[in-house]
Amino acid sequence: MQLSGEEKVLGAILVAGFSSELETHGILHLWDFPPSDVARSRNHCAHFVSIASDDDTSVPLEKSTELNDLVGGEFILEHKK
């Protein structure tokens, strides 16, 4: 979804989000959230929530926390889910 001008959303939920290509899953680069998009996204969204699992086999926990740090959102860690 692309917002223009002054359009805003109340919030966004990032599930197993990441901001750089994952080495083990090349196809996932289609859904990455590059740091260059973070500033634009923060201008359009007031609140971010990131949800990650400590045993995700596709997106390492470090990648989700890295993206959450960039957007400045609330972080929810699920255990063994």
C-alpha atoms as a PDB file:
ATOM      1  CA  MET A   1       0.000   0.000   0.000  1.00  0.00           C
ATOM      2  CA  GLN A   2       1.293   3.426  -0.864  1.00  0.00           C
ATOM      3  CA  LEU A   3      -0.005   6.580   0.784  1.00  0.00           C
ATOM      4  CA  SER A   4       0.355   9.985  -0.779  1.00  0.00           C
ATOM      5  CA  GLY A   5       0.609  13.482   0.594  1.00  0.00           C
ATOM      6  CA  GLU A   6      -0.868  13.903   4.027  1.00  0.00           C
ATOM      7  CA  GLU A   7      -2.705  10.560   4.177  1.00  0.00           C
ATOM      8  CA  LYS A   8      -2.166   8.771   7.489  1.00  0.00           C
ATOM      9  CA  VAL A   9      -2.937   5.455   9.129  1.00  0.00           C
ATOM     10  CA  LEU A  10      -3.401   4.991  12.855  1.00  0.00           C
ATOM     11  CA  GLY A  11      -1.003   2.089  13.141  1.00  0.00           C
ATOM     12  CA  ALA A  12       0.769  -0.834  11.552  1.00  0.00           C
ATOM     13  CA  ILE A  13       1.472  -4.343  12.784  1.00  0.00           C
ATOM     14  CA  LEU A  14       4.738  -5.860  11.606  1.00  0.00           C
ATOM     15  CA  VAL A  15       4.755  -9.644  12.040  1.00  0.00           C
ATOM     16  CA  ALA A  16       8.222 -11.189  11.716  1.00  0.00           C
ATOM     17  CA  GLY A  17       9.324  -7.991  10.007  1.00  0.00           C
ATOM     18  CA  PHE A  18      12.816  -7.388   8.693  1.00  0.00           C
ATOM     19  CA  SER A  19      14.684  -4.516   7.089  1.00  0.00           C
ATOM     20  CA  SER A  20      17.386  -6.318   5.147  1.00  0.00           C
ATOM     21  CA  GLU A  21      17.552  -9.354   2.895  1.00  0.00           C
ATOM     22  CA  LEU A  22      17.611 -12.685   4.673  1.00  0.00           C
ATOM     23  CA  GLU A  23      20.488 -14.876   3.588  1.00  0.00           C
ATOM     24  CA  THR A  24      18.658 -18.172   3.982  1.00  0.00           C
ATOM     25  CA  HIS A  25      15.437 -17.286   2.163  1.00  0.00           C
ATOM     26  CA  GLY A  26      16.142 -15.340  -1.019  1.00  0.00           C
ATOM     27  CA  ILE A  27      12.494 -14.987  -2.012  1.00  0.00           C
ATOM     28  CA  LEU A  28      11.670 -13.107   1.189  1.00  0.00           C
ATOM     29  CA  HIS A  29      13.520 -10.048  -0.122  1.00  0.00           C
ATOM     30  CA  LEU A  30      10.286  -9.217  -1.930  1.00  0.00           C
ATOM     31  CA  TRP A  31       8.743  -8.264   1.401  1.00  0.00           C
ATOM     32  CA  ASP A  32      11.622  -6.553   3.135  1.00  0.00           C
ATOM     33  CA  PHE A  33      11.242  -3.104   4.646  1.00  0.00           C
ATOM     34  CA  PRO A  34      14.416  -1.232   3.699  1.00  0.00           C
ATOM     35  CA  PRO A  35      15.656   1.496   6.050  1.00  0.00           C
ATOM     36  CA  SER A  36      15.144   4.064   3.280  1.00  0.00           C
ATOM     37  CA  ASP A  37      11.383   3.471   3.591  1.00  0.00           C
ATOM     38  CA  VAL A  38      11.309   3.874   7.379  1.00  0.00           C
ATOM     39  CA  ALA A  39      11.287   7.681   7.466  1.00  0.00           C
ATOM     40  CA  ARG A  40       8.516   7.874   4.879  1.00  0.00           C
ATOM     41  CA  SER A  41       6.524   5.246   6.757  1.00  0.00           C
ATOM     42  CA  ARG A  42       6.901   7.056  10.074  1.00  0.00           C
ATOM     43  CA  ASN A  43       5.509  10.209   8.443  1.00  0.00           C
ATOM     44  CA  HIS A  44       2.320   8.337   7.553  1.00  0.00           C
ATOM     45  CA  CYS A  45       1.882   6.090  10.589  1.00  0.00           C
ATOM     46  CA  ALA A  46       1.513   7.119  14.214  1.00  0.00           C
ATOM     47  CA  HIS A  47       2.130   3.765  15.907  1.00  0.00           C
ATOM     48  CA  PHE A  48       3.963   0.544  15.075  1.00  0.00           C
ATOM     49  CA  VAL A  49       3.724  -2.817  16.809  1.00  0.00           C
ATOM     50  CA  SER A  50       6.223  -5.551  15.976  1.00  0.00           C
ATOM     51  CA  ILE A  51       5.497  -9.190  16.784  1.00  0.00           C
ATOM     52  CA  ALA A  52       8.244 -11.802  16.608  1.00  0.00           C
ATOM     53  CA  SER A  53       8.884 -15.318  17.847  1.00  0.00           C
ATOM     54  CA  ASP A  54      12.042 -16.480  19.561  1.00  0.00           C
ATOM     55  CA  ASP A  55      12.061 -19.682  17.488  1.00  0.00           C
ATOM     56  CA  ASP A  56      11.112 -18.401  14.031  1.00  0.00           C
ATOM     57  CA  THR A  57      13.024 -20.477  11.479  1.00  0.00           C
ATOM     58  CA  SER A  58      12.597 -17.932   8.653  1.00  0.00           C
ATOM     59  CA  VAL A  59      13.167 -14.533  10.258  1.00  0.00           C
ATOM     60  CA  PRO A  60      15.810 -14.383  13.004  1.00  0.00           C
ATOM     61  CA  LEU A  61      14.780 -12.474  16.115  1.00  0.00           C
ATOM     62  CA  GLU A  62      17.646 -10.012  15.568  1.00  0.00           C
ATOM     63  CA  LYS A  63      16.134  -8.963  12.224  1.00  0.00           C
ATOM     64  CA  SER A  64      12.748  -8.221  13.798  1.00  0.00           C
ATOM     65  CA  THR A  65      14.269  -6.247  16.667  1.00  0.00           C
ATOM     66  CA  GLU A  66      16.423  -4.322  14.175  1.00  0.00           C
ATOM     67  CA  LEU A  67      13.349  -3.208  12.226  1.00  0.00           C
ATOM     68  CA  ASN A  68      11.464  -2.382  15.413  1.00  0.00           C
ATOM     69  CA  ASP A  69      14.340  -0.176  16.561  1.00  0.00           C
ATOM     70  CA  LEU A  70      14.185   1.678  13.231  1.00  0.00           C
ATOM     71  CA  VAL A  71      10.444   2.393  13.451  1.00  0.00           C
ATOM     72  CA  GLY A  72      10.413   3.003  17.201  1.00  0.00           C
ATOM     73  CA  GLY A  73       7.496   0.696  17.883  1.00  0.00           C
ATOM     74  CA  GLU A  74       6.165  -1.488  20.646  1.00  0.00           C
ATOM     75  CA  PHE A  75       7.740  -4.962  20.589  1.00  0.00           C
ATOM     76  CA  ILE A  76       5.904  -8.183  21.437  1.00  0.00           C
ATOM     77  CA  LEU A  77       7.985 -11.351  21.750  1.00  0.00           C
ATOM     78  CA  GLU A  78       6.183 -14.656  21.448  1.00  0.00           C
ATOM     79  CA  HIS A  79       7.900 -17.716  22.911  1.00  0.00           C
ATOM     80  CA  LYS A  80       8.045 -20.934  20.907  1.00  0.00           C
ATOM     81  CA  LYS A  81       5.282 -19.923  18.494  1.00  0.00           C
END
